[in-house]
PDB file of N, CA and C in Angstrom:
ATOM      1  N   MET A   1       6.137  -6.036  -0.841  1.00  0.00           N
ATOM      2  CA  MET A   1       4.823  -6.212  -1.424  1.00  0.00           C
ATOM      3  C   MET A   1       4.801  -7.445  -2.302  1.00  0.00           C
ATOM      4  N   ARG A   2       3.750  -8.175  -2.182  1.00  0.00           N
ATOM      5  CA  ARG A   2       3.600  -9.370  -3.002  1.00  0.00           C
ATOM      6  C   ARG A   2       3.327  -8.970  -4.451  1.00  0.00           C
ATOM      7  N   GLY A   3       3.998  -9.620  -5.366  1.00  0.00           N
ATOM      8  CA  GLY A   3       3.771  -9.359  -6.780  1.00  0.00           C
ATOM      9  C   GLY A   3       4.577  -8.221  -7.365  1.00  0.00           C
ATOM     10  N   SER A   4       5.278  -7.477  -6.551  1.00  0.00           N
ATOM     11  CA  SER A   4       6.077  -6.390  -7.106  1.00  0.00           C
ATOM     12  C   SER A   4       7.410  -6.942  -7.599  1.00  0.00           C
ATOM     13  N   ARG A   5       7.915  -6.320  -8.646  1.00  0.00           N
ATOM     14  CA  ARG A   5       9.189  -6.750  -9.226  1.00  0.00           C
ATOM     15  C   ARG A   5      10.206  -5.641  -9.074  1.00  0.00           C
ATOM     16  N   SER A   6      11.440  -6.042  -8.993  1.00  0.00           N
ATOM     17  CA  SER A   6      12.509  -5.063  -8.925  1.00  0.00           C
ATOM     18  C   SER A   6      12.760  -4.492 -10.318  1.00  0.00           C
ATOM     19  N   TYR A   7      13.492  -3.402 -10.343  1.00  0.00           N
ATOM     20  CA  TYR A   7      13.866  -2.772 -11.609  1.00  0.00           C
ATOM     21  C   TYR A   7      14.617  -3.777 -12.486  1.00  0.00           C
ATOM     22  N   ALA A   8      15.541  -4.513 -11.901  1.00  0.00           N
ATOM     23  CA  ALA A   8      16.337  -5.492 -12.651  1.00  0.00           C
ATOM     24  C   ALA A   8      15.456  -6.601 -13.220  1.00  0.00           C
ATOM     25  N   GLU A   9      14.483  -7.044 -12.432  1.00  0.00           N
ATOM     26  CA  GLU A   9      13.569  -8.091 -12.924  1.00  0.00           C
ATOM     27  C   GLU A   9      12.728  -7.572 -14.090  1.00  0.00           C
ATOM     28  N   ASN A  10      12.236  -6.338 -13.975  1.00  0.00           N
ATOM     29  CA  ASN A  10      11.464  -5.747 -15.074  1.00  0.00           C
ATOM     30  C   ASN A  10      12.309  -5.625 -16.337  1.00  0.00           C
ATOM     31  N   LYS A  11      13.540  -5.170 -16.189  1.00  0.00           N
ATOM     32  CA  LYS A  11      14.421  -5.029 -17.347  1.00  0.00           C
ATOM     33  C   LYS A  11      14.698  -6.389 -18.001  1.00  0.00           C
ATOM     34  N   GLU A  12      14.857  -7.418 -17.191  1.00  0.00           N
ATOM     35  CA  GLU A  12      15.099  -8.762 -17.730  1.00  0.00           C
ATOM     36  C   GLU A  12      13.870  -9.262 -18.493  1.00  0.00           C
ATOM     37  N   LEU A  13      12.677  -9.018 -17.965  1.00  0.00           N
ATOM     38  CA  LEU A  13      11.449  -9.406 -18.667  1.00  0.00           C
ATOM     39  C   LEU A  13      11.282  -8.627 -19.972  1.00  0.00           C
ATOM     40  N   GLN A  14      11.599  -7.342 -19.935  1.00  0.00           N
ATOM     41  CA  GLN A  14      11.527  -6.538 -21.154  1.00  0.00           C
ATOM     42  C   GLN A  14      12.510  -7.032 -22.202  1.00  0.00           C
ATOM     43  N   LYS A  15      13.710  -7.380 -21.774  1.00  0.00           N
ATOM     44  CA  LYS A  15      14.715  -7.906 -22.702  1.00  0.00           C
ATOM     45  C   LYS A  15      14.231  -9.203 -23.347  1.00  0.00           C
ATOM     46  N   ALA A  16      13.635 -10.082 -22.546  1.00  0.00           N
ATOM     47  CA  ALA A  16      13.116 -11.349 -23.080  1.00  0.00           C
ATOM     48  C   ALA A  16      12.001 -11.086 -24.096  1.00  0.00           C
ATOM     49  N   TYR A  17      11.132 -10.117 -23.807  1.00  0.00           N
ATOM     50  CA  TYR A  17      10.047  -9.785 -24.734  1.00  0.00           C
ATOM     51  C   TYR A  17      10.608  -9.232 -26.036  1.00  0.00           C
ATOM     52  N   LEU A  18      11.579  -8.329 -25.937  1.00  0.00           N
ATOM     53  CA  LEU A  18      12.202  -7.763 -27.137  1.00  0.00           C
ATOM     54  C   LEU A  18      12.945  -8.830 -27.938  1.00  0.00           C
ATOM     55  N   ASP A  19      13.563  -9.788 -27.252  1.00  0.00           N
ATOM     56  CA  ASP A  19      14.204 -10.900 -27.955  1.00  0.00           C
ATOM     57  C   ASP A  19      13.170 -11.688 -28.760  1.00  0.00           C
ATOM     58  N   GLY A  20      11.985 -11.876 -28.184  1.00  0.00           N
ATOM     59  CA  GLY A  20      10.906 -12.555 -28.899  1.00  0.00           C
ATOM     60  C   GLY A  20      10.458 -11.769 -30.116  1.00  0.00           C
ATOM     61  N   LEU A  21      10.321 -10.452 -29.975  1.00  0.00           N
ATOM     62  CA  LEU A  21       9.964  -9.618 -31.131  1.00  0.00           C
ATOM     63  C   LEU A  21      11.020  -9.729 -32.223  1.00  0.00           C
ATOM     64  N   ARG A  22      12.271  -9.760 -31.814  1.00  0.00           N
ATOM     65  CA  ARG A  22      13.376  -9.884 -32.769  1.00  0.00           C
ATOM     66  C   ARG A  22      13.247 -11.203 -33.553  1.00  0.00           C
ATOM     67  N   ARG A  23      12.914 -12.267 -32.853  1.00  0.00           N
ATOM     68  CA  ARG A  23      12.745 -13.565 -33.535  1.00  0.00           C
ATOM     69  C   ARG A  23      11.590 -13.512 -34.535  1.00  0.00           C
ATOM     70  N   TYR A  24      10.484 -12.865 -34.143  1.00  0.00           N
ATOM     71  CA  TYR A  24       9.370 -12.714 -35.088  1.00  0.00           C
ATOM     72  C   TYR A  24       9.800 -11.899 -36.304  1.00  0.00           C
ATOM     73  N   ARG A  25      10.481 -10.784 -36.071  1.00  0.00           N
ATOM     74  CA  ARG A  25      10.944  -9.947 -37.174  1.00  0.00           C
ATOM     75  C   ARG A  25      11.856 -10.732 -38.118  1.00  0.00           C
ATOM     76  N   ASP A  26      12.742 -11.548 -37.535  1.00  0.00           N
ATOM     77  CA  ASP A  26      13.658 -12.347 -38.344  1.00  0.00           C
ATOM     78  C   ASP A  26      12.922 -13.389 -39.185  1.00  0.00           C
ATOM     79  N   ARG A  27      11.701 -13.723 -38.782  1.00  0.00           N
ATOM     80  CA  ARG A  27      10.880 -14.674 -39.560  1.00  0.00           C
ATOM     81  C   ARG A  27       9.964 -13.959 -40.546  1.00  0.00           C
ATOM     82  N   GLY A  28      10.135 -12.629 -40.665  1.00  0.00           N
ATOM     83  CA  GLY A  28       9.369 -11.870 -41.651  1.00  0.00           C
ATOM     84  C   GLY A  28       8.111 -11.212 -41.123  1.00  0.00           C
ATOM     85  N   ILE A  29       7.882 -11.256 -39.814  1.00  0.00           N
ATOM     86  CA  ILE A  29       6.716 -10.608 -39.221  1.00  0.00           C
ATOM     87  C   ILE A  29       7.031  -9.121 -39.052  1.00  0.00           C
ATOM     88  N   VAL A  30       6.127  -8.275 -39.517  1.00  0.00           N
ATOM     89  CA  VAL A  30       6.323  -6.820 -39.439  1.00  0.00           C
ATOM     90  C   VAL A  30       5.948  -6.348 -38.035  1.00  0.00           C
ATOM     91  N   ILE A  31       6.795  -5.506 -37.442  1.00  0.00           N
ATOM     92  CA  ILE A  31       6.550  -4.912 -36.131  1.00  0.00           C
ATOM     93  C   ILE A  31       6.275  -3.428 -36.341  1.00  0.00           C
ATOM     94  N   LEU A  32       5.073  -2.968 -35.944  1.00  0.00           N
ATOM     95  CA  LEU A  32       4.674  -1.578 -36.130  1.00  0.00           C
ATOM     96  C   LEU A  32       4.420  -0.911 -34.775  1.00  0.00           C
ATOM     97  N   ILE A  33       4.874   0.319 -34.644  1.00  0.00           N
ATOM     98  CA  ILE A  33       4.581   1.130 -33.465  1.00  0.00           C
ATOM     99  C   ILE A  33       3.949   2.418 -33.972  1.00  0.00           C
ATOM    100  N   ASP A  34       2.725   2.687 -33.511  1.00  0.00           N
ATOM    101  CA  ASP A  34       1.968   3.859 -33.968  1.00  0.00           C
ATOM    102  C   ASP A  34       1.843   3.875 -35.486  1.00  0.00           C
ATOM    103  N   GLY A  35       1.652   2.709 -36.077  1.00  0.00           N
ATOM    104  CA  GLY A  35       1.428   2.608 -37.512  1.00  0.00           C
ATOM    105  C   GLY A  35       2.664   2.646 -38.381  1.00  0.00           C
ATOM    106  N   LYS A  36       3.848   2.720 -37.780  1.00  0.00           N
ATOM    107  CA  LYS A  36       5.083   2.797 -38.565  1.00  0.00           C
ATOM    108  C   LYS A  36       6.015   1.656 -38.191  1.00  0.00           C
ATOM    109  N   GLU A  37       6.703   1.147 -39.203  1.00  0.00           N
ATOM    110  CA  GLU A  37       7.737   0.156 -38.935  1.00  0.00           C
ATOM    111  C   GLU A  37       8.952   0.909 -38.390  1.00  0.00           C
ATOM    112  N   CYS A  38       9.328   0.599 -37.164  1.00  0.00           N
ATOM    113  CA  CYS A  38      10.410   1.321 -36.491  1.00  0.00           C
ATOM    114  C   CYS A  38      11.660   0.464 -36.419  1.00  0.00           C
ATOM    115  N   SER A  39      12.756   1.141 -36.167  1.00  0.00           N
ATOM    116  CA  SER A  39      14.003   0.412 -35.968  1.00  0.00           C
ATOM    117  C   SER A  39      13.944  -0.290 -34.615  1.00  0.00           C
ATOM    118  N   GLU A  40      14.758  -1.286 -34.462  1.00  0.00           N
ATOM    119  CA  GLU A  40      14.816  -2.056 -33.217  1.00  0.00           C
ATOM    120  C   GLU A  40      15.137  -1.161 -32.018  1.00  0.00           C
ATOM    121  N   GLU A  41      15.894  -0.123 -32.227  1.00  0.00           N
ATOM    122  CA  GLU A  41      16.250   0.782 -31.139  1.00  0.00           C
ATOM    123  C   GLU A  41      15.019   1.490 -30.560  1.00  0.00           C
ATOM    124  N   ASP A  42      13.957   1.636 -31.351  1.00  0.00           N
ATOM    125  CA  ASP A  42      12.739   2.313 -30.897  1.00  0.00           C
ATOM    126  C   ASP A  42      11.760   1.378 -30.184  1.00  0.00           C
ATOM    127  N   TRP A  43      11.988   0.103 -30.235  1.00  0.00           N
ATOM    128  CA  TRP A  43      11.036  -0.854 -29.676  1.00  0.00           C
ATOM    129  C   TRP A  43      10.817  -0.685 -28.180  1.00  0.00           C
ATOM    130  N   SER A  44      11.796  -0.205 -27.451  1.00  0.00           N
ATOM    131  CA  SER A  44      11.647  -0.081 -26.000  1.00  0.00           C
ATOM    132  C   SER A  44      10.550   0.909 -25.623  1.00  0.00           C
ATOM    133  N   ARG A  45      10.108   1.734 -26.565  1.00  0.00           N
ATOM    134  CA  ARG A  45       9.004   2.675 -26.304  1.00  0.00           C
ATOM    135  C   ARG A  45       7.741   1.963 -25.861  1.00  0.00           C
ATOM    136  N   ILE A  46       7.564   0.724 -26.269  1.00  0.00           N
ATOM    137  CA  ILE A  46       6.312   0.027 -25.943  1.00  0.00           C
ATOM    138  C   ILE A  46       6.154  -0.211 -24.449  1.00  0.00           C
ATOM    139  N   PHE A  47       7.211  -0.051 -23.674  1.00  0.00           N
ATOM    140  CA  PHE A  47       7.143  -0.256 -22.229  1.00  0.00           C
ATOM    141  C   PHE A  47       6.905   1.041 -21.460  1.00  0.00           C
ATOM    142  N   GLU A  48       6.885   2.165 -22.142  1.00  0.00           N
ATOM    143  CA  GLU A  48       6.751   3.461 -21.479  1.00  0.00           C
ATOM    144  C   GLU A  48       5.304   3.739 -21.096  1.00  0.00           C
ATOM    145  N   LEU A  49       5.136   4.367 -19.961  1.00  0.00           N
ATOM    146  CA  LEU A  49       3.834   4.873 -19.538  1.00  0.00           C
ATOM    147  C   LEU A  49       3.862   6.381 -19.690  1.00  0.00           C
ATOM    148  N   GLY A  50       2.922   6.918 -20.421  1.00  0.00           N
ATOM    149  CA  GLY A  50       2.906   8.355 -20.661  1.00  0.00           C
ATOM    150  C   GLY A  50       2.332   9.140 -19.497  1.00  0.00           C
ATOM    151  N   GLU A  51       2.738  10.386 -19.400  1.00  0.00           N
ATOM    152  CA  GLU A  51       2.194  11.266 -18.369  1.00  0.00           C
ATOM    153  C   GLU A  51       0.696  11.469 -18.555  1.00  0.00           C
ATOM    154  N   ASP A  52       0.233  11.294 -19.792  1.00  0.00           N
ATOM    155  CA  ASP A  52      -1.184  11.466 -20.085  1.00  0.00           C
ATOM    156  C   ASP A  52      -1.994  10.202 -19.809  1.00  0.00           C
ATOM    157  N   GLY A  53      -1.363   9.195 -19.213  1.00  0.00           N
ATOM    158  CA  GLY A  53      -2.064   7.957 -18.884  1.00  0.00           C
ATOM    159  C   GLY A  53      -2.051   6.927 -19.999  1.00  0.00           C
ATOM    160  N   GLY A  54      -1.407   7.239 -21.100  1.00  0.00           N
ATOM    161  CA  GLY A  54      -1.373   6.318 -22.227  1.00  0.00           C
ATOM    162  C   GLY A  54      -0.297   5.265 -22.078  1.00  0.00           C
ATOM    163  N   PHE A  55      -0.556   4.118 -22.653  1.00  0.00           N
ATOM    164  CA  PHE A  55       0.418   3.032 -22.687  1.00  0.00           C
ATOM    165  C   PHE A  55       0.223   2.265 -23.992  1.00  0.00           C
ATOM    166  N   TYR A  56       1.198   1.466 -24.353  1.00  0.00           N
ATOM    167  CA  TYR A  56       1.125   0.720 -25.614  1.00  0.00           C
ATOM    168  C   TYR A  56       0.516  -0.658 -25.392  1.00  0.00           C
ATOM    169  N   MET A  57      -0.369  -1.025 -26.319  1.00  0.00           N
ATOM    170  CA  MET A  57      -0.993  -2.331 -26.287  1.00  0.00           C
ATOM    171  C   MET A  57      -0.694  -3.025 -27.610  1.00  0.00           C
ATOM    172  N   GLY A  58      -0.313  -4.287 -27.517  1.00  0.00           N
ATOM    173  CA  GLY A  58       0.019  -5.050 -28.711  1.00  0.00           C
ATOM    174  C   GLY A  58      -1.202  -5.714 -29.324  1.00  0.00           C
ATOM    175  N   ASP A  59      -1.224  -5.760 -30.633  1.00  0.00           N
ATOM    176  CA  ASP A  59      -2.280  -6.416 -31.388  1.00  0.00           C
ATOM    177  C   ASP A  59      -1.598  -7.348 -32.378  1.00  0.00           C
ATOM    178  N   TYR A  60      -1.872  -8.621 -32.256  1.00  0.00           N
ATOM    179  CA  TYR A  60      -1.240  -9.631 -33.101  1.00  0.00           C
ATOM    180  C   TYR A  60      -2.189  -9.932 -34.256  1.00  0.00           C
ATOM    181  N   VAL A  61      -1.779  -9.561 -35.469  1.00  0.00           N
ATOM    182  CA  VAL A  61      -2.633  -9.638 -36.648  1.00  0.00           C
ATOM    183  C   VAL A  61      -2.264 -10.867 -37.464  1.00  0.00           C
ATOM    184  N   GLY A  62      -3.260 -11.701 -37.700  1.00  0.00           N
ATOM    185  CA  GLY A  62      -3.033 -12.925 -38.455  1.00  0.00           C
ATOM    186  C   GLY A  62      -3.391 -12.781 -39.920  1.00  0.00           C
ATOM    187  N   ALA A  63      -2.849 -13.678 -40.700  1.00  0.00           N
ATOM    188  CA  ALA A  63      -3.177 -13.768 -42.117  1.00  0.00           C
ATOM    189  C   ALA A  63      -4.344 -14.742 -42.269  1.00  0.00           C
ATOM    190  N   GLU A  64      -4.882 -14.825 -43.449  1.00  0.00           N
ATOM    191  CA  GLU A  64      -6.033 -15.700 -43.692  1.00  0.00           C
ATOM    192  C   GLU A  64      -5.726 -17.160 -43.403  1.00  0.00           C
ATOM    193  N   GLN A  65      -4.500 -17.581 -43.573  1.00  0.00           N
ATOM    194  CA  GLN A  65      -4.127 -18.974 -43.365  1.00  0.00           C
ATOM    195  C   GLN A  65      -3.916 -19.302 -41.891  1.00  0.00           C
ATOM    196  N   GLY A  66      -4.136 -18.359 -40.994  1.00  0.00           N
ATOM    197  CA  GLY A  66      -3.936 -18.598 -39.576  1.00  0.00           C
ATOM    198  C   GLY A  66      -2.522 -18.325 -39.096  1.00  0.00           C
ATOM    199  N   CYS A  67      -1.696 -17.759 -39.948  1.00  0.00           N
ATOM    200  CA  CYS A  67      -0.321 -17.423 -39.575  1.00  0.00           C
ATOM    201  C   CYS A  67      -0.251 -15.962 -39.139  1.00  0.00           C
ATOM    202  N   LEU A  68       0.701 -15.665 -38.308  1.00  0.00           N
ATOM    203  CA  LEU A  68       0.912 -14.293 -37.858  1.00  0.00           C
ATOM    204  C   LEU A  68       1.483 -13.461 -38.992  1.00  0.00           C
ATOM    205  N   ARG A  69       0.878 -12.297 -39.237  1.00  0.00           N
ATOM    206  CA  ARG A  69       1.317 -11.423 -40.320  1.00  0.00           C
ATOM    207  C   ARG A  69       2.070 -10.211 -39.798  1.00  0.00           C
ATOM    208  N   GLU A  70       1.578  -9.603 -38.710  1.00  0.00           N
ATOM    209  CA  GLU A  70       2.243  -8.438 -38.147  1.00  0.00           C
ATOM    210  C   GLU A  70       1.855  -8.260 -36.692  1.00  0.00           C
ATOM    211  N   ILE A  71       2.675  -7.486 -35.995  1.00  0.00           N
ATOM    212  CA  ILE A  71       2.402  -7.135 -34.605  1.00  0.00           C
ATOM    213  C   ILE A  71       2.363  -5.621 -34.540  1.00  0.00           C
ATOM    214  N   ARG A  72       1.241  -5.097 -34.064  1.00  0.00           N
ATOM    215  CA  ARG A  72       1.054  -3.646 -33.993  1.00  0.00           C
ATOM    216  C   ARG A  72       1.004  -3.206 -32.539  1.00  0.00           C
ATOM    217  N   PHE A  73       1.687  -2.133 -32.240  1.00  0.00           N
ATOM    218  CA  PHE A  73       1.629  -1.511 -30.918  1.00  0.00           C
ATOM    219  C   PHE A  73       1.086  -0.107 -31.093  1.00  0.00           C
ATOM    220  N   ASP A  74      -0.047   0.158 -30.472  1.00  0.00           N
ATOM    221  CA  ASP A  74      -0.661   1.474 -30.541  1.00  0.00           C
ATOM    222  C   ASP A  74      -0.906   1.981 -29.131  1.00  0.00           C
ATOM    223  N   LYS A  75      -0.778   3.293 -28.967  1.00  0.00           N
ATOM    224  CA  LYS A  75      -1.011   3.895 -27.655  1.00  0.00           C
ATOM    225  C   LYS A  75      -2.509   3.885 -27.381  1.00  0.00           C
ATOM    226  N   VAL A  76      -2.864   3.460 -26.192  1.00  0.00           N
ATOM    227  CA  VAL A  76      -4.261   3.437 -25.766  1.00  0.00           C
ATOM    228  C   VAL A  76      -4.376   4.164 -24.433  1.00  0.00           C
ATOM    229  N   TYR A  77      -5.594   4.547 -24.112  1.00  0.00           N
ATOM    230  CA  TYR A  77      -5.888   5.271 -22.879  1.00  0.00           C
ATOM    231  C   TYR A  77      -7.056   4.581 -22.185  1.00  0.00           C
ATOM    232  N   LEU A  78      -7.005   4.509 -20.877  1.00  0.00           N
ATOM    233  CA  LEU A  78      -8.120   3.948 -20.134  1.00  0.00           C
ATOM    234  C   LEU A  78      -9.308   4.907 -20.132  1.00  0.00           C
ATOM    235  N   GLU A  79      -9.029   6.197 -20.177  1.00  0.00           N
ATOM    236  CA  GLU A  79     -10.050   7.231 -20.227  1.00  0.00           C
ATOM    237  C   GLU A  79      -9.636   8.263 -21.251  1.00  0.00           C
ATOM    238  N   LYS A  80     -10.618   8.926 -21.815  1.00  0.00           N
ATOM    239  CA  LYS A  80     -10.282  10.040 -22.696  1.00  0.00           C
ATOM    240  C   LYS A  80      -9.662  11.132 -21.845  1.00  0.00           C
ATOM    241  N   PRO A  81      -8.648  11.820 -22.361  1.00  0.00           N
ATOM    242  CA  PRO A  81      -7.986  12.854 -21.557  1.00  0.00           C
ATOM    243  C   PRO A  81      -8.948  13.870 -20.950  1.00  0.00           C
ATOM    244  N   SER A  82     -10.004  14.235 -21.653  1.00  0.00           N
ATOM    245  CA  SER A  82     -10.937  15.228 -21.134  1.00  0.00           C
ATOM    246  C   SER A  82     -11.831  14.665 -20.037  1.00  0.00           C
ATOM    247  N   GLU A  83     -11.927  13.346 -19.921  1.00  0.00           N
ATOM    248  CA  GLU A  83     -12.786  12.712 -18.927  1.00  0.00           C
ATOM    249  C   GLU A  83     -12.058  12.319 -17.665  1.00  0.00           C
ATOM    250  N   LYS A  84     -10.764  12.574 -17.595  1.00  0.00           N
ATOM    251  CA  LYS A  84     -10.001  12.178 -16.419  1.00  0.00           C
ATOM    252  C   LYS A  84     -10.505  12.902 -15.188  1.00  0.00           C
ATOM    253  N   LYS A  85     -10.559  12.194 -14.111  1.00  0.00           N
ATOM    254  CA  LYS A  85     -11.013  12.785 -12.863  1.00  0.00           C
ATOM    255  C   LYS A  85      -9.956  13.737 -12.336  1.00  0.00           C
ATOM    256  N   ARG A  86     -10.392  14.833 -11.819  1.00  0.00           N
ATOM    257  CA  ARG A  86      -9.487  15.796 -11.215  1.00  0.00           C
ATOM    258  C   ARG A  86      -9.531  15.589  -9.712  1.00  0.00           C
ATOM    259  N   TRP A  87      -8.363  15.539  -9.123  1.00  0.00           N
ATOM    260  CA  TRP A  87      -8.272  15.341  -7.678  1.00  0.00           C
ATOM    261  C   TRP A  87      -8.533  16.651  -6.967  1.00  0.00           C
ATOM    262  N   ARG A  88      -9.380  16.602  -5.975  1.00  0.00           N
ATOM    263  CA  ARG A  88      -9.695  17.797  -5.182  1.00  0.00           C
ATOM    264  C   ARG A  88      -9.258  17.570  -3.758  1.00  0.00           C
ATOM    265  N   ARG A  89      -8.856  18.640  -3.125  1.00  0.00           N
ATOM    266  CA  ARG A  89      -8.467  18.565  -1.711  1.00  0.00           C
ATOM    267  C   ARG A  89      -9.598  18.954  -0.826  1.00  0.00           C
TER     268      ARG A  89
END
């Protein structure tokens, strides 16, 4: 399939993204997941897709001077759980 990536390619991209987050953290940028500053070991959660259809979306928050202040990852849903379509046979 065109555009599909292997497991190894996905893991390499995730590692590169986490390396970037690490560099931001080392420069004093706060990294938050679900409103809490988490340890680096918890950062891989941002790549998980939940059984409930939820996934993490990043929000890059700037300071008044135009500099990055923090990066927030919050779980979002494409649909409210109660509005999900039920499959019928």
